[in-house]
């Protein structure tokens, strides 16, 4: 909303408008202490469909305004700027994102959006008689897609000033999303399949506390939050999360015996080794077994039965030779 000499004005640009719809969805569904009512689901479906349409077309608009128009032969740039045109359907917009913009839109995401559109049409035009669980599940699948879409494809295409204006509301949406049980379950199930091949490098995220953070030399990333980390930040945050009690386990940190950065965590559990803590470097991703703690308080891998690290051993030998 804005105002001038003529009185209040309505001002909702596409991206803030879409995020506002998302915020309404979260308000309806994020009720950790109460059951989501059929009325909440009704408006969540309507707002979620609106959010999908607005945000998908906002990304098309960033690529080129003409991609939003249903029939370009009936539209000019002047008409477009005035909003005097018919836009493409959501299904067609999803196709254009994939085929014309080149974004990797998955088949199951397209299907989820199509199913939500059918629910919305039945709900708005004919009334809807369906189980709460099914509606909630369909809504959660699309919400999962939209959150990924915003983070992976929309946010990187926005100008810095646009991001600054949206950051607070998006943070609020992300916090609310964590309270939506079906959303969490849907995303967890998807990530379990997607991250299987990275099981030996998937750890507990210090930020959202989900088993979805993949440690990688090129930059680690949680696939649930989604938050990116450099190796030193991750090692510090991971160790800190144990010290503050957010994760019930015991870990310690130190310099990696391989790359010698202070990114070694001893006591890491991965989804492949839930029952067996290991030593892992969050920089070079090397996994260590049989680590020992030297008197200099650095970890090392003994070659035989040494009680001190190689550096301390060399120093000890140099001192003896000098004597």
Protein backbone atom coordinates (compact mmCIF):
# COMPACT_ATOMS: atom_id res chain seq x y z
CA UNK A 1 0.00 0.00 0.00
CA UNK A 2 1.14 3.57 -0.70
CA UNK A 3 -0.26 7.03 -0.63
CA UNK A 4 -0.14 10.38 -2.41
CA UNK A 5 -2.18 13.54 -2.76
CA UNK A 6 -5.04 11.55 -4.31
CA UNK A 7 -5.26 9.15 -1.36
CA UNK A 8 -4.05 5.60 -0.62
CA UNK A 9 -2.88 3.43 -3.50
CA UNK A 10 -2.54 -0.34 -3.94
CA UNK A 11 1.01 -1.35 -4.87
CA UNK A 12 1.86 -5.05 -5.01
CA UNK A 13 4.65 -5.78 -7.55
CA UNK A 14 4.70 -9.43 -8.71
CA UNK A 15 7.39 -10.90 -6.45
CA UNK A 16 6.28 -9.22 -3.17
CA UNK A 17 2.71 -10.11 -4.16
CA UNK A 18 3.61 -13.79 -4.56
CA UNK A 19 5.55 -13.86 -1.28
CA UNK A 20 2.56 -12.24 0.44
CA UNK A 21 0.34 -15.08 -0.80
CA UNK A 22 2.92 -17.57 0.50
CA UNK A 23 2.86 -15.83 3.86
CA UNK A 24 -0.92 -16.32 3.99
CA UNK A 25 -0.50 -20.03 3.22
CA UNK A 26 1.96 -20.44 6.08
CA UNK A 27 -0.36 -18.56 8.46
CA UNK A 28 -3.14 -21.01 7.62
CA UNK A 29 -1.09 -24.22 7.81
CA UNK A 30 1.59 -23.51 10.44
CA UNK A 31 -0.45 -24.38 13.53
CA UNK A 32 1.77 -26.61 15.70
CA UNK A 33 -0.57 -26.42 18.71
CA UNK A 34 -3.88 -26.78 16.89
CA UNK A 35 -5.42 -28.86 14.14
CA UNK A 36 -5.65 -27.27 10.71
CA UNK A 37 -9.33 -26.70 9.98
CA UNK A 38 -11.05 -27.38 6.63
CA UNK A 39 -11.52 -23.61 6.29
CA UNK A 40 -7.78 -23.07 6.78
CA UNK A 41 -7.10 -25.64 4.07
CA UNK A 42 -9.60 -23.99 1.75
CA UNK A 43 -7.87 -20.62 1.90
CA UNK A 44 -4.41 -22.20 1.93
CA UNK A 45 -5.21 -23.91 -1.39
CA UNK A 46 -6.54 -20.68 -2.92
CA UNK A 47 -3.57 -18.62 -1.76
CA UNK A 48 -1.08 -21.32 -2.73
CA UNK A 49 -2.46 -21.49 -6.25
CA UNK A 50 -2.23 -17.70 -6.47
CA UNK A 51 1.34 -17.74 -5.11
CA UNK A 52 2.34 -20.37 -7.68
CA UNK A 53 0.89 -18.44 -10.58
CA UNK A 54 2.38 -15.10 -9.53
CA UNK A 55 5.88 -16.37 -8.68
CA UNK A 56 6.21 -18.62 -11.74
CA UNK A 57 5.16 -15.77 -14.03
CA UNK A 58 7.41 -13.33 -12.16
CA UNK A 59 10.36 -15.53 -13.14
CA UNK A 60 9.16 -15.63 -16.75
CA UNK A 61 8.87 -11.84 -16.70
CA UNK A 62 12.48 -11.53 -15.53
CA UNK A 63 13.56 -13.59 -18.56
CA UNK A 64 11.35 -11.53 -20.93
CA UNK A 65 7.94 -9.90 -20.61
CA UNK A 66 6.61 -11.62 -23.75
CA UNK A 67 6.88 -15.06 -22.09
CA UNK A 68 4.04 -14.17 -19.72
CA UNK A 69 1.59 -13.38 -22.55
CA UNK A 70 -0.74 -16.14 -23.74
CA UNK A 71 -0.95 -14.95 -27.37
CA UNK A 72 1.74 -12.47 -28.37
CA UNK A 73 -0.05 -11.66 -31.63
CA UNK A 74 -2.77 -9.95 -29.58
CA UNK A 75 -0.45 -8.02 -27.28
CA UNK A 76 1.97 -5.09 -27.52
CA UNK A 77 4.49 -3.87 -24.96
CA UNK A 78 2.23 -0.90 -24.28
CA UNK A 79 -0.72 -3.19 -23.51
CA UNK A 80 1.53 -5.38 -21.39
CA UNK A 81 2.70 -2.43 -19.30
CA UNK A 82 -0.94 -1.48 -18.68
CA UNK A 83 -1.89 -5.06 -17.79
CA UNK A 84 -4.29 -5.25 -20.74
CA UNK A 85 -3.54 -8.80 -21.87
CA UNK A 86 -4.37 -12.43 -21.17
CA UNK A 87 -1.53 -14.33 -19.53
CA UNK A 88 -0.53 -17.94 -20.11
CA UNK A 89 -1.94 -20.68 -17.89
CA UNK A 90 0.14 -21.96 -14.99
CA UNK A 91 0.77 -25.25 -16.82
CA UNK A 92 1.94 -23.41 -19.93
CA UNK A 93 4.07 -21.08 -17.80
CA UNK A 94 5.76 -24.09 -16.20
CA UNK A 95 6.47 -25.50 -19.67
CA UNK A 96 7.95 -22.18 -20.80
CA UNK A 97 10.19 -22.02 -17.74
CA UNK A 98 11.61 -25.38 -18.72
CA UNK A 99 11.65 -25.22 -22.52
CA UNK A 100 12.25 -21.51 -23.14
CA UNK A 101 14.11 -20.22 -20.06
CA UNK A 102 15.98 -23.47 -19.51
CA UNK A 103 15.20 -24.00 -15.83
CA UNK A 104 15.24 -27.64 -14.63
CA UNK A 105 11.57 -28.04 -13.69
CA UNK A 106 10.95 -31.63 -12.62
CA UNK A 107 8.06 -33.74 -13.89
CA UNK A 108 6.77 -34.49 -10.39
CA UNK A 109 6.72 -30.75 -9.59
CA UNK A 110 4.67 -30.06 -12.72
CA UNK A 111 2.28 -32.82 -11.74
CA UNK A 112 1.94 -31.46 -8.19
CA UNK A 113 1.13 -27.98 -9.54
CA UNK A 114 -1.42 -29.48 -11.97
CA UNK A 115 -3.13 -31.42 -9.16
CA UNK A 116 -3.30 -28.29 -7.01
CA UNK A 117 -4.87 -26.36 -9.92
CA UNK A 118 -7.56 -29.05 -10.21
CA UNK A 119 -8.25 -28.84 -6.47
CA UNK A 120 -8.47 -25.06 -6.66
CA UNK A 121 -10.91 -25.17 -9.61
CA UNK A 122 -13.17 -27.70 -7.90
CA UNK A 123 -13.02 -25.72 -4.69
CA UNK A 124 -13.78 -22.35 -6.21
CA UNK A 125 -16.32 -23.30 -8.88
CA UNK A 126 -18.02 -26.52 -7.81
CA UNK A 127 -17.30 -26.99 -4.13
CA UNK A 128 -14.93 -29.61 -2.79
CA UNK A 129 -15.54 -32.83 -0.91
CA UNK A 130 -12.22 -34.47 -0.10
CA UNK A 131 -10.27 -35.74 2.88
CA UNK A 132 -8.26 -33.18 4.82
CA UNK A 133 -5.19 -35.44 4.60
CA UNK A 134 -5.25 -35.53 0.79
CA UNK A 135 -5.70 -31.77 0.44
CA UNK A 136 -2.97 -31.14 2.99
CA UNK A 137 -0.61 -33.51 1.19
CA UNK A 138 -1.22 -31.87 -2.21
CA UNK A 139 -0.67 -28.42 -0.72
CA UNK A 140 2.53 -29.55 1.02
CA UNK A 141 3.97 -30.91 -2.25
CA UNK A 142 3.43 -27.60 -4.05
CA UNK A 143 4.72 -25.61 -1.08
CA UNK A 144 7.87 -27.74 -1.18
CA UNK A 145 8.28 -26.95 -4.90
CA UNK A 146 7.67 -23.23 -4.43
CA UNK A 147 10.20 -22.87 -1.63
CA UNK A 148 12.83 -24.58 -3.79
CA UNK A 149 11.80 -22.52 -6.80
CA UNK A 150 12.12 -19.24 -4.91
CA UNK A 151 15.51 -20.14 -3.41
CA UNK A 152 17.06 -21.71 -6.51
CA UNK A 153 15.56 -19.82 -9.45
CA UNK A 154 13.87 -16.60 -8.33
CA UNK A 155 16.12 -15.15 -5.62
CA UNK A 156 19.32 -15.42 -7.75
CA UNK A 157 17.58 -13.44 -10.53
CA UNK A 158 16.50 -10.53 -8.32
CA UNK A 159 18.28 -7.22 -7.83
CA UNK A 160 19.98 -6.62 -4.44
CA UNK A 161 17.44 -3.97 -3.41
CA UNK A 162 14.58 -6.36 -4.18
CA UNK A 163 16.19 -9.05 -2.04
CA UNK A 164 16.66 -6.67 0.88
CA UNK A 165 12.98 -5.71 0.78
CA UNK A 166 11.85 -9.35 0.71
CA UNK A 167 14.32 -10.84 3.18
CA UNK A 168 12.31 -10.28 6.37
CA UNK A 169 9.10 -11.71 4.95
CA UNK A 170 10.89 -14.69 3.38
CA UNK A 171 12.59 -15.44 6.71
CA UNK A 172 9.17 -15.38 8.34
CA UNK A 173 7.81 -17.76 5.69
CA UNK A 174 10.73 -20.16 6.19
CA UNK A 175 10.18 -20.21 9.97
CA UNK A 176 6.50 -20.92 9.50
CA UNK A 177 7.17 -23.65 6.95
CA UNK A 178 9.11 -25.62 9.58
CA UNK A 179 5.92 -25.88 11.64
CA UNK A 180 3.92 -27.45 8.83
CA UNK A 181 4.10 -31.17 9.55
CA UNK A 182 3.04 -32.38 6.12
CA UNK A 183 5.46 -30.02 4.44
CA UNK A 184 8.30 -31.35 6.54
CA UNK A 185 7.30 -34.96 5.91
CA UNK A 186 7.03 -34.39 2.17
CA UNK A 187 10.37 -32.68 1.96
CA UNK A 188 12.08 -35.28 4.15
CA UNK A 189 10.76 -38.12 1.98
CA UNK A 190 11.96 -36.41 -1.20
CA UNK A 191 15.37 -35.63 0.27
CA UNK A 192 15.85 -39.19 1.49
CA UNK A 193 15.67 -40.35 -2.12
CA UNK A 194 17.64 -37.44 -3.59
CA UNK A 195 20.49 -37.62 -1.09
CA UNK A 196 20.98 -41.42 -1.03
CA UNK A 197 24.15 -41.23 -3.12
CA UNK A 198 25.58 -38.65 -0.69
CA UNK A 199 24.72 -40.59 2.47
CA UNK A 200 28.36 -40.83 3.55
CA UNK A 201 28.59 -37.00 3.46
CA UNK A 202 25.11 -36.02 4.68
CA UNK A 203 25.09 -34.66 8.23
CA UNK A 204 22.80 -32.91 10.71
CA UNK A 205 22.34 -29.24 9.74
CA UNK A 206 23.26 -26.81 12.54
CA UNK A 207 20.69 -24.33 11.24
CA UNK A 208 17.44 -26.28 10.68
CA UNK A 209 18.49 -29.51 12.47
CA UNK A 210 17.50 -31.73 9.56
CA UNK A 211 19.64 -34.57 8.18
CA UNK A 212 20.04 -32.82 4.84
CA UNK A 213 23.40 -31.03 4.84
CA UNK A 214 25.78 -32.42 2.23
CA UNK A 215 29.46 -31.74 2.97
CA UNK A 216 31.28 -30.87 -0.26
CA UNK A 217 34.69 -29.45 -1.18
CA UNK A 218 33.05 -26.94 -3.53
CA UNK A 219 30.79 -25.64 -0.77
CA UNK A 220 28.50 -27.44 1.63
CA UNK A 221 24.75 -26.92 1.49
CA UNK A 222 21.71 -27.97 3.46
CA UNK A 223 19.02 -29.14 1.07
CA UNK A 224 16.25 -28.46 3.57
CA UNK A 225 16.86 -24.85 4.80
CA UNK A 226 18.52 -24.32 2.26
CA UNK A 227 21.66 -22.69 3.69
CA UNK A 228 25.13 -22.70 2.13
CA UNK A 229 28.30 -22.87 4.22
CA UNK A 230 32.01 -22.52 3.68
CA UNK A 231 34.09 -25.17 5.44
CA UNK A 232 35.26 -23.09 8.41
CA UNK A 233 31.81 -21.64 9.10
CA UNK A 234 30.29 -25.10 8.99
CA UNK A 235 32.89 -26.66 11.29
CA UNK A 236 32.43 -23.88 13.84
CA UNK A 237 28.61 -23.95 13.68
CA UNK A 238 28.51 -27.75 13.83
CA UNK A 239 30.71 -27.88 16.94
CA UNK A 240 28.79 -24.97 18.48
CA UNK A 241 25.45 -26.72 18.00
CA UNK A 242 26.66 -29.54 20.23
CA UNK A 243 28.03 -27.18 22.88
CA UNK A 244 24.70 -25.37 23.12
CA UNK A 245 22.83 -28.64 23.41
CA UNK A 246 20.80 -28.36 20.20
CA UNK A 247 22.16 -31.80 19.27
CA UNK A 248 22.58 -34.45 21.93
CA UNK A 249 25.99 -35.93 21.18
CA UNK A 250 29.66 -35.30 21.89
CA UNK A 251 32.02 -33.87 19.31
CA UNK A 252 35.36 -32.11 19.24
CA UNK A 253 37.17 -30.13 16.59
CA UNK A 254 40.73 -29.55 15.40
CA UNK A 255 43.04 -29.24 12.42
CA UNK A 256 42.64 -31.82 9.67
CA UNK A 257 45.65 -34.18 9.43
CA UNK A 258 45.26 -34.11 5.64
CA UNK A 259 44.67 -30.47 4.59
CA UNK A 260 45.59 -28.87 7.94
CA UNK A 261 42.64 -26.46 8.01
CA UNK A 262 40.73 -26.17 11.27
CA UNK A 263 37.73 -27.99 9.86
CA UNK A 264 38.08 -31.46 11.39
CA UNK A 265 35.12 -32.67 13.46
CA UNK A 266 35.50 -35.83 15.53
CA UNK A 267 32.19 -37.45 16.44
CA UNK A 268 30.31 -36.70 13.20
CA UNK A 269 27.35 -38.90 12.34
CA UNK A 270 26.25 -39.18 8.71
CA UNK A 271 23.07 -40.76 7.38
CA UNK A 272 25.27 -43.67 6.32
CA UNK A 273 26.85 -44.04 9.78
CA UNK A 274 24.11 -43.00 12.21
CA UNK A 275 25.22 -45.55 14.80
CA UNK A 276 28.95 -44.98 14.43
CA UNK A 277 30.49 -41.50 14.92
CA UNK A 278 33.45 -40.76 12.65
CA UNK A 279 36.08 -38.12 12.10
CA UNK A 280 35.44 -35.94 9.05
CA UNK A 281 37.08 -32.87 7.58
CA UNK A 282 34.49 -30.36 6.37
CA UNK A 283 37.05 -28.91 3.96
CA UNK A 284 38.65 -31.83 2.09
CA UNK A 285 35.80 -34.24 3.10
CA UNK A 286 38.35 -36.86 4.18
CA UNK A 287 36.98 -39.42 6.67
CA UNK A 288 39.31 -40.63 9.41
CA UNK A 289 39.19 -43.67 11.67
CA UNK A 290 41.48 -44.45 14.59
CA UNK A 291 42.29 -40.81 15.32
CA UNK A 292 44.30 -40.01 18.43
CA UNK A 293 44.65 -36.77 20.35
CA UNK A 294 48.24 -35.64 20.74
CA UNK A 295 49.56 -33.82 23.82
CA UNK A 296 49.62 -30.69 21.64
CA UNK A 297 45.81 -31.08 21.43
CA UNK A 298 45.81 -31.87 17.72
CA UNK A 299 44.38 -35.05 16.21
CA UNK A 300 46.55 -37.41 14.19
CA UNK A 301 46.35 -40.82 12.51
CA UNK A 302 48.94 -43.15 14.08
CA UNK A 303 51.03 -45.17 11.64
CA UNK A 304 51.97 -47.72 14.30
CA UNK A 305 51.35 -47.15 17.99
CA UNK A 306 52.56 -43.57 18.34
CA UNK A 307 51.22 -41.49 21.21
CA UNK A 308 52.15 -38.17 19.64
CA UNK A 309 51.62 -36.64 16.22
CA UNK A 310 54.25 -36.62 13.50
CA UNK A 311 54.97 -32.91 13.96
CA UNK A 312 55.61 -33.31 17.69
CA UNK A 313 57.67 -36.43 17.02
CA UNK A 314 59.88 -34.56 14.52
CA UNK A 315 60.28 -31.71 16.96
CA UNK A 316 61.26 -34.16 19.70
CA UNK A 317 63.84 -35.81 17.42
CA UNK A 318 65.32 -32.44 16.39
CA UNK A 319 65.71 -31.44 20.04
CA UNK A 320 67.47 -34.72 20.86
CA UNK A 321 69.82 -34.33 17.89
CA UNK A 322 70.68 -30.81 18.98
CA UNK A 323 71.65 -32.13 22.39
